[in-house]
Amino acid sequence: MKKKILVVDVGGSNVKVMISRAQRRKFKSGPDMTPREMVAQIKPLVQDWTFDAISMGFPSPVRNGCIMSEPKHLGPGWTRFDFEKSLGKPIRIINDAAMQALGSYRGRRMLFLGLGTGLGSTLIWETNVLALELGDLPYANGHIIEDYLGKSGLKRLGEKRWKHEVLRAVVLLKKSLIADYVVLGGGSAKRLDELPNGVELGHNRNAFLGGVRLWQTNPRTRRPKWNIL
């Protein structure tokens, strides 16, 4: 029987919970939100939904389903929190950009860049999903690239110069990582109207599909289909 998956997409501004592409609810996150507070807000939002398992996309490095470091844009306490115990269902945790990337993937070698509060990044090829931390790359004037491409960069530079910086960086990253195509997601991506060849806009709804795909299995081995590196 096919599992019904609840998808939780944790961002620096909002937390979205989804049971289908059409049905989603959200609440504000931000620098003061702890995991305990997030769970307390999720529970009443999903009490009328039936689901078997949970996928959670989280804005921090994740390895083997464990949050490796505290997020930049949320409160403390995430690395040791037991989500499975608190939410009462099996849960798989993945980097938030990797989850949206997995939902956007349609073959070959794809680079995903999430233009949101910060800069999310993931590379996918075949059945391999590699979450990256490109946002911390050194950039102009002693900054990191996230300072230019993230929300703070948009505010500081203004929309016109921000667009120029995004497109310049995207072309460089596509070439450096030998990607066949780049998908741009995140809340700020919709501001981009003209895109170079091989670069396309994704959709935030793809995070739901990525969360569902996270529970796919290989029919021959019955092991997880996707190799989350």
C-alpha atoms as a PDB file:
ATOM      1  CA  MET A   1       0.000   0.000   0.000  1.00  0.00           C
ATOM      2  CA  LYS A   2       1.295   3.471  -0.890  1.00  0.00           C
ATOM      3  CA  LYS A   3       2.380   5.578   2.088  1.00  0.00           C
ATOM      4  CA  LYS A   4       0.692   8.930   2.629  1.00  0.00           C
ATOM      5  CA  ILE A   5       3.401  11.478   3.405  1.00  0.00           C
ATOM      6  CA  LEU A   6       3.170  14.714   5.401  1.00  0.00           C
ATOM      7  CA  VAL A   7       5.789  17.144   4.066  1.00  0.00           C
ATOM      8  CA  VAL A   8       7.196  19.844   6.355  1.00  0.00           C
ATOM      9  CA  ASP A   9       9.226  22.560   4.608  1.00  0.00           C
ATOM     10  CA  VAL A  10      11.105  24.633   7.199  1.00  0.00           C
ATOM     11  CA  GLY A  11      12.289  28.032   5.977  1.00  0.00           C
ATOM     12  CA  GLY A  12      13.794  31.123   7.560  1.00  0.00           C
ATOM     13  CA  SER A  13      10.504  33.042   7.173  1.00  0.00           C
ATOM     14  CA  ASN A  14       7.768  30.368   7.150  1.00  0.00           C
ATOM     15  CA  VAL A  15       7.130  26.710   7.914  1.00  0.00           C
ATOM     16  CA  LYS A  16       4.853  25.033   5.338  1.00  0.00           C
ATOM     17  CA  VAL A  17       3.074  21.738   5.988  1.00  0.00           C
ATOM     18  CA  MET A  18       1.649  19.864   2.986  1.00  0.00           C
ATOM     19  CA  ILE A  19      -0.416  16.694   2.564  1.00  0.00           C
ATOM     20  CA  SER A  20      -0.829  17.182  -1.200  1.00  0.00           C
ATOM     21  CA  ARG A  21       0.262  19.747  -3.762  1.00  0.00           C
ATOM     22  CA  ALA A  22      -3.052  21.569  -3.329  1.00  0.00           C
ATOM     23  CA  GLN A  23      -3.448  21.271   0.458  1.00  0.00           C
ATOM     24  CA  ARG A  24      -0.914  23.246   2.429  1.00  0.00           C
ATOM     25  CA  ARG A  25      -0.874  25.315   5.583  1.00  0.00           C
ATOM     26  CA  LYS A  26       1.821  27.570   6.959  1.00  0.00           C
ATOM     27  CA  PHE A  27       2.935  29.662   9.897  1.00  0.00           C
ATOM     28  CA  LYS A  28       5.716  32.179  10.547  1.00  0.00           C
ATOM     29  CA  SER A  29       9.178  30.994  11.596  1.00  0.00           C
ATOM     30  CA  GLY A  30      12.108  33.354  12.239  1.00  0.00           C
ATOM     31  CA  PRO A  31      15.150  33.776  14.507  1.00  0.00           C
ATOM     32  CA  ASP A  32      13.297  32.934  17.741  1.00  0.00           C
ATOM     33  CA  MET A  33      11.623  29.685  16.653  1.00  0.00           C
ATOM     34  CA  THR A  34      12.833  26.550  18.479  1.00  0.00           C
ATOM     35  CA  PRO A  35      12.004  22.958  17.446  1.00  0.00           C
ATOM     36  CA  ARG A  36       9.665  22.547  20.409  1.00  0.00           C
ATOM     37  CA  GLU A  37       7.703  25.647  19.347  1.00  0.00           C
ATOM     38  CA  MET A  38       7.563  24.433  15.752  1.00  0.00           C
ATOM     39  CA  VAL A  39       6.160  21.025  16.770  1.00  0.00           C
ATOM     40  CA  ALA A  40       3.598  22.754  19.029  1.00  0.00           C
ATOM     41  CA  GLN A  41       2.361  24.745  16.003  1.00  0.00           C
ATOM     42  CA  ILE A  42       2.401  21.790  13.578  1.00  0.00           C
ATOM     43  CA  LYS A  43       0.266  19.447  15.712  1.00  0.00           C
ATOM     44  CA  PRO A  44      -3.015  21.450  15.679  1.00  0.00           C
ATOM     45  CA  LEU A  45      -2.530  22.318  11.974  1.00  0.00           C
ATOM     46  CA  VAL A  46      -2.420  18.649  10.898  1.00  0.00           C
ATOM     47  CA  GLN A  47      -4.839  17.015  13.356  1.00  0.00           C
ATOM     48  CA  ASP A  48      -7.504  16.536  10.643  1.00  0.00           C
ATOM     49  CA  TRP A  49      -5.014  15.011   8.152  1.00  0.00           C
ATOM     50  CA  THR A  50      -4.201  11.279   7.975  1.00  0.00           C
ATOM     51  CA  PHE A  51      -0.608  10.330   7.130  1.00  0.00           C
ATOM     52  CA  ASP A  52       1.829   7.431   7.609  1.00  0.00           C
ATOM     53  CA  ALA A  53       5.212   9.171   7.588  1.00  0.00           C
ATOM     54  CA  ILE A  54       6.843  12.606   7.506  1.00  0.00           C
ATOM     55  CA  SER A  55       9.470  14.231   5.280  1.00  0.00           C
ATOM     56  CA  MET A  56      11.104  17.385   6.600  1.00  0.00           C
ATOM     57  CA  GLY A  57      13.232  19.808   4.622  1.00  0.00           C
ATOM     58  CA  PHE A  58      15.507  21.829   6.923  1.00  0.00           C
ATOM     59  CA  PRO A  59      17.712  24.903   6.205  1.00  0.00           C
ATOM     60  CA  SER A  60      21.011  23.524   7.523  1.00  0.00           C
ATOM     61  CA  PRO A  61      23.461  20.733   6.613  1.00  0.00           C
ATOM     62  CA  VAL A  62      21.832  17.307   7.121  1.00  0.00           C
ATOM     63  CA  ARG A  63      23.690  13.990   6.994  1.00  0.00           C
ATOM     64  CA  ASN A  64      22.145  10.516   7.370  1.00  0.00           C
ATOM     65  CA  GLY A  65      18.891  12.180   8.402  1.00  0.00           C
ATOM     66  CA  CYS A  66      20.533  14.133  11.257  1.00  0.00           C
ATOM     67  CA  ILE A  67      20.734  17.944  11.442  1.00  0.00           C
ATOM     68  CA  MET A  68      24.480  18.633  11.632  1.00  0.00           C
ATOM     69  CA  SER A  69      24.576  22.277  12.739  1.00  0.00           C
ATOM     70  CA  GLU A  70      22.259  24.924  14.124  1.00  0.00           C
ATOM     71  CA  PRO A  71      20.503  26.955  11.375  1.00  0.00           C
ATOM     72  CA  LYS A  72      21.533  30.557  10.695  1.00  0.00           C
ATOM     73  CA  HIS A  73      18.025  32.003  10.588  1.00  0.00           C
ATOM     74  CA  LEU A  74      16.138  30.100  13.351  1.00  0.00           C
ATOM     75  CA  GLY A  75      16.345  29.702  17.133  1.00  0.00           C
ATOM     76  CA  PRO A  76      18.537  27.093  18.928  1.00  0.00           C
ATOM     77  CA  GLY A  77      18.141  23.418  19.852  1.00  0.00           C
ATOM     78  CA  TRP A  78      17.694  21.637  16.505  1.00  0.00           C
ATOM     79  CA  THR A  79      20.647  19.243  16.347  1.00  0.00           C
ATOM     80  CA  ARG A  80      19.578  17.049  19.303  1.00  0.00           C
ATOM     81  CA  PHE A  81      15.801  17.266  19.030  1.00  0.00           C
ATOM     82  CA  ASP A  82      13.873  13.981  18.609  1.00  0.00           C
ATOM     83  CA  PHE A  83      11.280  14.800  15.938  1.00  0.00           C
ATOM     84  CA  GLU A  84      10.092  11.208  15.548  1.00  0.00           C
ATOM     85  CA  LYS A  85       9.227  10.996  19.237  1.00  0.00           C
ATOM     86  CA  SER A  86       7.586  14.449  19.289  1.00  0.00           C
ATOM     87  CA  LEU A  87       5.496  13.961  16.143  1.00  0.00           C
ATOM     88  CA  GLY A  88       4.799  10.240  16.634  1.00  0.00           C
ATOM     89  CA  LYS A  89       5.535   9.120  13.044  1.00  0.00           C
ATOM     90  CA  PRO A  90       8.569   7.834  11.091  1.00  0.00           C
ATOM     91  CA  ILE A  91      10.435  10.866   9.744  1.00  0.00           C
ATOM     92  CA  ARG A  92      13.124  11.463   7.118  1.00  0.00           C
ATOM     93  CA  ILE A  93      15.003  14.754   7.306  1.00  0.00           C
ATOM     94  CA  ILE A  94      16.855  16.288   4.362  1.00  0.00           C
ATOM     95  CA  ASN A  95      18.247  19.731   3.585  1.00  0.00           C
ATOM     96  CA  ASP A  96      15.376  22.005   2.457  1.00  0.00           C
ATOM     97  CA  ALA A  97      17.007  22.891  -0.881  1.00  0.00           C
ATOM     98  CA  ALA A  98      17.670  19.182  -1.508  1.00  0.00           C
ATOM     99  CA  MET A  99      13.988  18.388  -0.952  1.00  0.00           C
ATOM    100  CA  GLN A 100      12.826  21.010  -3.437  1.00  0.00           C
ATOM    101  CA  ALA A 101      15.577  19.920  -5.835  1.00  0.00           C
ATOM    102  CA  LEU A 102      14.423  16.291  -5.637  1.00  0.00           C
ATOM    103  CA  GLY A 103      10.913  17.411  -6.587  1.00  0.00           C
ATOM    104  CA  SER A 104      12.264  19.488  -9.501  1.00  0.00           C
ATOM    105  CA  TYR A 105      14.549  16.805 -10.944  1.00  0.00           C
ATOM    106  CA  ARG A 106      13.828  15.376 -14.407  1.00  0.00           C
ATOM    107  CA  GLY A 107      17.008  13.573 -15.342  1.00  0.00           C
ATOM    108  CA  ARG A 108      20.614  14.244 -16.384  1.00  0.00           C
ATOM    109  CA  ARG A 109      22.762  16.477 -14.129  1.00  0.00           C
ATOM    110  CA  MET A 110      20.815  19.249 -12.391  1.00  0.00           C
ATOM    111  CA  LEU A 111      21.960  22.099 -10.161  1.00  0.00           C
ATOM    112  CA  PHE A 112      19.250  23.544  -7.933  1.00  0.00           C
ATOM    113  CA  LEU A 113      19.633  26.994  -6.330  1.00  0.00           C
ATOM    114  CA  GLY A 114      17.113  28.210  -3.750  1.00  0.00           C
ATOM    115  CA  LEU A 115      16.889  32.008  -3.600  1.00  0.00           C
ATOM    116  CA  GLY A 116      15.269  32.622  -0.219  1.00  0.00           C
ATOM    117  CA  THR A 117      16.370  33.983   3.149  1.00  0.00           C
ATOM    118  CA  GLY A 118      19.785  32.524   2.300  1.00  0.00           C
ATOM    119  CA  LEU A 119      21.057  30.491  -0.672  1.00  0.00           C
ATOM    120  CA  GLY A 120      20.200  26.794  -0.831  1.00  0.00           C
ATOM    121  CA  SER A 121      22.003  24.522  -3.290  1.00  0.00           C
ATOM    122  CA  THR A 122      21.889  20.882  -4.409  1.00  0.00           C
ATOM    123  CA  LEU A 123      23.345  18.808  -7.240  1.00  0.00           C
ATOM    124  CA  ILE A 124      21.448  15.724  -8.499  1.00  0.00           C
ATOM    125  CA  TRP A 125      22.505  13.110 -11.059  1.00  0.00           C
ATOM    126  CA  GLU A 126      20.983   9.665 -11.709  1.00  0.00           C
ATOM    127  CA  THR A 127      19.733   8.647  -8.217  1.00  0.00           C
ATOM    128  CA  ASN A 128      22.330  10.684  -6.266  1.00  0.00           C
ATOM    129  CA  VAL A 129      21.306  13.763  -4.273  1.00  0.00           C
ATOM    130  CA  LEU A 130      24.176  15.920  -2.985  1.00  0.00           C
ATOM    131  CA  ALA A 131      23.215  18.909  -0.837  1.00  0.00           C
ATOM    132  CA  LEU A 132      25.823  21.671  -1.144  1.00  0.00           C
ATOM    133  CA  GLU A 133      26.700  24.726   0.951  1.00  0.00           C
ATOM    134  CA  LEU A 134      27.487  27.115  -1.897  1.00  0.00           C
ATOM    135  CA  GLY A 135      26.064  30.033   0.091  1.00  0.00           C
ATOM    136  CA  ASP A 136      29.278  30.154   2.144  1.00  0.00           C
ATOM    137  CA  LEU A 137      31.573  30.599  -0.882  1.00  0.00           C
ATOM    138  CA  PRO A 138      33.719  33.758  -0.632  1.00  0.00           C
ATOM    139  CA  TYR A 139      32.376  36.513  -2.875  1.00  0.00           C
ATOM    140  CA  ALA A 140      32.997  40.219  -3.564  1.00  0.00           C
ATOM    141  CA  ASN A 141      34.203  42.760  -0.977  1.00  0.00           C
ATOM    142  CA  GLY A 142      34.847  40.212   1.779  1.00  0.00           C
ATOM    143  CA  HIS A 143      31.275  38.875   1.653  1.00  0.00           C
ATOM    144  CA  ILE A 144      29.998  35.368   1.016  1.00  0.00           C
ATOM    145  CA  ILE A 145      27.811  34.675  -2.030  1.00  0.00           C
ATOM    146  CA  GLU A 146      24.663  34.354   0.141  1.00  0.00           C
ATOM    147  CA  ASP A 147      25.089  38.033   1.156  1.00  0.00           C
ATOM    148  CA  TYR A 148      24.511  38.959  -2.493  1.00  0.00           C
ATOM    149  CA  LEU A 149      21.985  36.354  -3.676  1.00  0.00           C
ATOM    150  CA  GLY A 150      19.896  35.961  -0.483  1.00  0.00           C
ATOM    151  CA  LYS A 151      17.187  38.218   0.923  1.00  0.00           C
ATOM    152  CA  SER A 152      19.688  40.592   2.580  1.00  0.00           C
ATOM    153  CA  GLY A 153      21.411  41.085  -0.801  1.00  0.00           C
ATOM    154  CA  LEU A 154      18.123  41.911  -2.515  1.00  0.00           C
ATOM    155  CA  LYS A 155      17.376  44.500   0.172  1.00  0.00           C
ATOM    156  CA  ARG A 156      20.869  46.042   0.098  1.00  0.00           C
ATOM    157  CA  LEU A 157      21.477  46.055  -3.663  1.00  0.00           C
ATOM    158  CA  GLY A 158      17.977  46.775  -4.971  1.00  0.00           C
ATOM    159  CA  GLU A 159      16.157  44.533  -7.427  1.00  0.00           C
ATOM    160  CA  LYS A 160      17.965  45.532 -10.632  1.00  0.00           C
ATOM    161  CA  ARG A 161      21.511  44.954  -9.339  1.00  0.00           C
ATOM    162  CA  TRP A 162      20.415  41.841  -7.408  1.00  0.00           C
ATOM    163  CA  LYS A 163      19.079  40.283 -10.634  1.00  0.00           C
ATOM    164  CA  HIS A 164      22.376  41.024 -12.371  1.00  0.00           C
ATOM    165  CA  GLU A 165      24.354  39.354  -9.531  1.00  0.00           C
ATOM    166  CA  VAL A 166      22.065  36.300  -9.522  1.00  0.00           C
ATOM    167  CA  LEU A 167      22.361  35.684 -13.265  1.00  0.00           C
ATOM    168  CA  ARG A 168      26.140  36.206 -13.205  1.00  0.00           C
ATOM    169  CA  ALA A 169      26.556  33.743 -10.319  1.00  0.00           C
ATOM    170  CA  VAL A 170      24.175  31.177 -11.829  1.00  0.00           C
ATOM    171  CA  VAL A 171      26.102  31.030 -15.109  1.00  0.00           C
ATOM    172  CA  LEU A 172      29.411  30.624 -13.224  1.00  0.00           C
ATOM    173  CA  LEU A 173      28.054  27.892 -10.926  1.00  0.00           C
ATOM    174  CA  LYS A 174      26.449  26.000 -13.823  1.00  0.00           C
ATOM    175  CA  LYS A 175      29.786  25.942 -15.637  1.00  0.00           C
ATOM    176  CA  SER A 176      31.823  25.065 -12.509  1.00  0.00           C
ATOM    177  CA  LEU A 177      29.606  22.105 -11.554  1.00  0.00           C
ATOM    178  CA  ILE A 178      29.154  20.902 -15.166  1.00  0.00           C
ATOM    179  CA  ALA A 179      25.366  20.969 -14.798  1.00  0.00           C
ATOM    180  CA  ASP A 180      23.136  20.256 -17.803  1.00  0.00           C
ATOM    181  CA  TYR A 181      20.543  22.678 -16.438  1.00  0.00           C
ATOM    182  CA  VAL A 182      19.859  24.869 -13.404  1.00  0.00           C
ATOM    183  CA  VAL A 183      16.534  25.147 -11.597  1.00  0.00           C
ATOM    184  CA  LEU A 184      15.940  28.291  -9.518  1.00  0.00           C
ATOM    185  CA  GLY A 185      13.539  27.986  -6.585  1.00  0.00           C
ATOM    186  CA  GLY A 186      12.865  29.837  -3.351  1.00  0.00           C
ATOM    187  CA  GLY A 187      10.693  32.857  -2.641  1.00  0.00           C
ATOM    188  CA  SER A 188      12.796  35.393  -4.595  1.00  0.00           C
ATOM    189  CA  ALA A 189      13.166  33.367  -7.811  1.00  0.00           C
ATOM    190  CA  LYS A 190       9.862  34.648  -9.235  1.00  0.00           C
ATOM    191  CA  ARG A 191      11.412  38.141  -9.492  1.00  0.00           C
ATOM    192  CA  LEU A 192      13.602  36.906 -12.360  1.00  0.00           C
ATOM    193  CA  ASP A 193      11.929  37.419 -15.732  1.00  0.00           C
ATOM    194  CA  GLU A 194      14.695  36.815 -18.310  1.00  0.00           C
ATOM    195  CA  LEU A 195      16.809  33.695 -17.882  1.00  0.00           C
ATOM    196  CA  PRO A 196      19.778  32.412 -19.930  1.00  0.00           C
ATOM    197  CA  ASN A 197      19.630  29.104 -21.818  1.00  0.00           C
ATOM    198  CA  GLY A 198      19.758  26.105 -19.524  1.00  0.00           C
ATOM    199  CA  VAL A 199      18.316  28.010 -16.555  1.00  0.00           C
ATOM    200  CA  GLU A 200      14.649  27.716 -15.560  1.00  0.00           C
ATOM    201  CA  LEU A 201      12.309  28.634 -12.745  1.00  0.00           C
ATOM    202  CA  GLY A 202      11.149  25.891 -10.423  1.00  0.00           C
ATOM    203  CA  HIS A 203       8.089  26.033  -8.214  1.00  0.00           C
ATOM    204  CA  ASN A 204       7.871  25.959  -4.425  1.00  0.00           C
ATOM    205  CA  ARG A 205       5.183  23.264  -4.735  1.00  0.00           C
ATOM    206  CA  ASN A 206       7.962  20.930  -5.923  1.00  0.00           C
ATOM    207  CA  ALA A 207       9.042  20.653  -2.274  1.00  0.00           C
ATOM    208  CA  PHE A 208       5.977  18.465  -1.748  1.00  0.00           C
ATOM    209  CA  LEU A 209       6.911  16.134  -4.603  1.00  0.00           C
ATOM    210  CA  GLY A 210      10.478  15.968  -3.248  1.00  0.00           C
ATOM    211  CA  GLY A 211       9.175  14.977   0.174  1.00  0.00           C
ATOM    212  CA  VAL A 212       7.096  12.185  -1.375  1.00  0.00           C
ATOM    213  CA  ARG A 213      10.016  10.989  -3.535  1.00  0.00           C
ATOM    214  CA  LEU A 214      12.167  10.752  -0.391  1.00  0.00           C
ATOM    215  CA  TRP A 215      10.136   7.683   0.615  1.00  0.00           C
ATOM    216  CA  GLN A 216      10.344   5.963  -2.816  1.00  0.00           C
ATOM    217  CA  THR A 217      11.943   2.518  -2.871  1.00  0.00           C
ATOM    218  CA  ASN A 218      13.709   0.530  -5.573  1.00  0.00           C
ATOM    219  CA  PRO A 219      11.176  -2.211  -6.479  1.00  0.00           C
ATOM    220  CA  ARG A 220      13.931  -4.805  -6.908  1.00  0.00           C
ATOM    221  CA  THR A 221      15.928  -4.195  -3.713  1.00  0.00           C
ATOM    222  CA  ARG A 222      13.139  -2.569  -1.635  1.00  0.00           C
ATOM    223  CA  ARG A 223      15.781  -0.154  -0.401  1.00  0.00           C
ATOM    224  CA  PRO A 224      15.417   3.653  -0.704  1.00  0.00           C
ATOM    225  CA  LYS A 225      15.579   4.695  -4.360  1.00  0.00           C
ATOM    226  CA  TRP A 226      17.539   7.915  -3.763  1.00  0.00           C
ATOM    227  CA  ASN A 227      21.092   7.983  -2.512  1.00  0.00           C
ATOM    228  CA  ILE A 228      21.143  11.042  -0.218  1.00  0.00           C
ATOM    229  CA  LEU A 229      24.866  11.886  -0.024  1.00  0.00           C
END
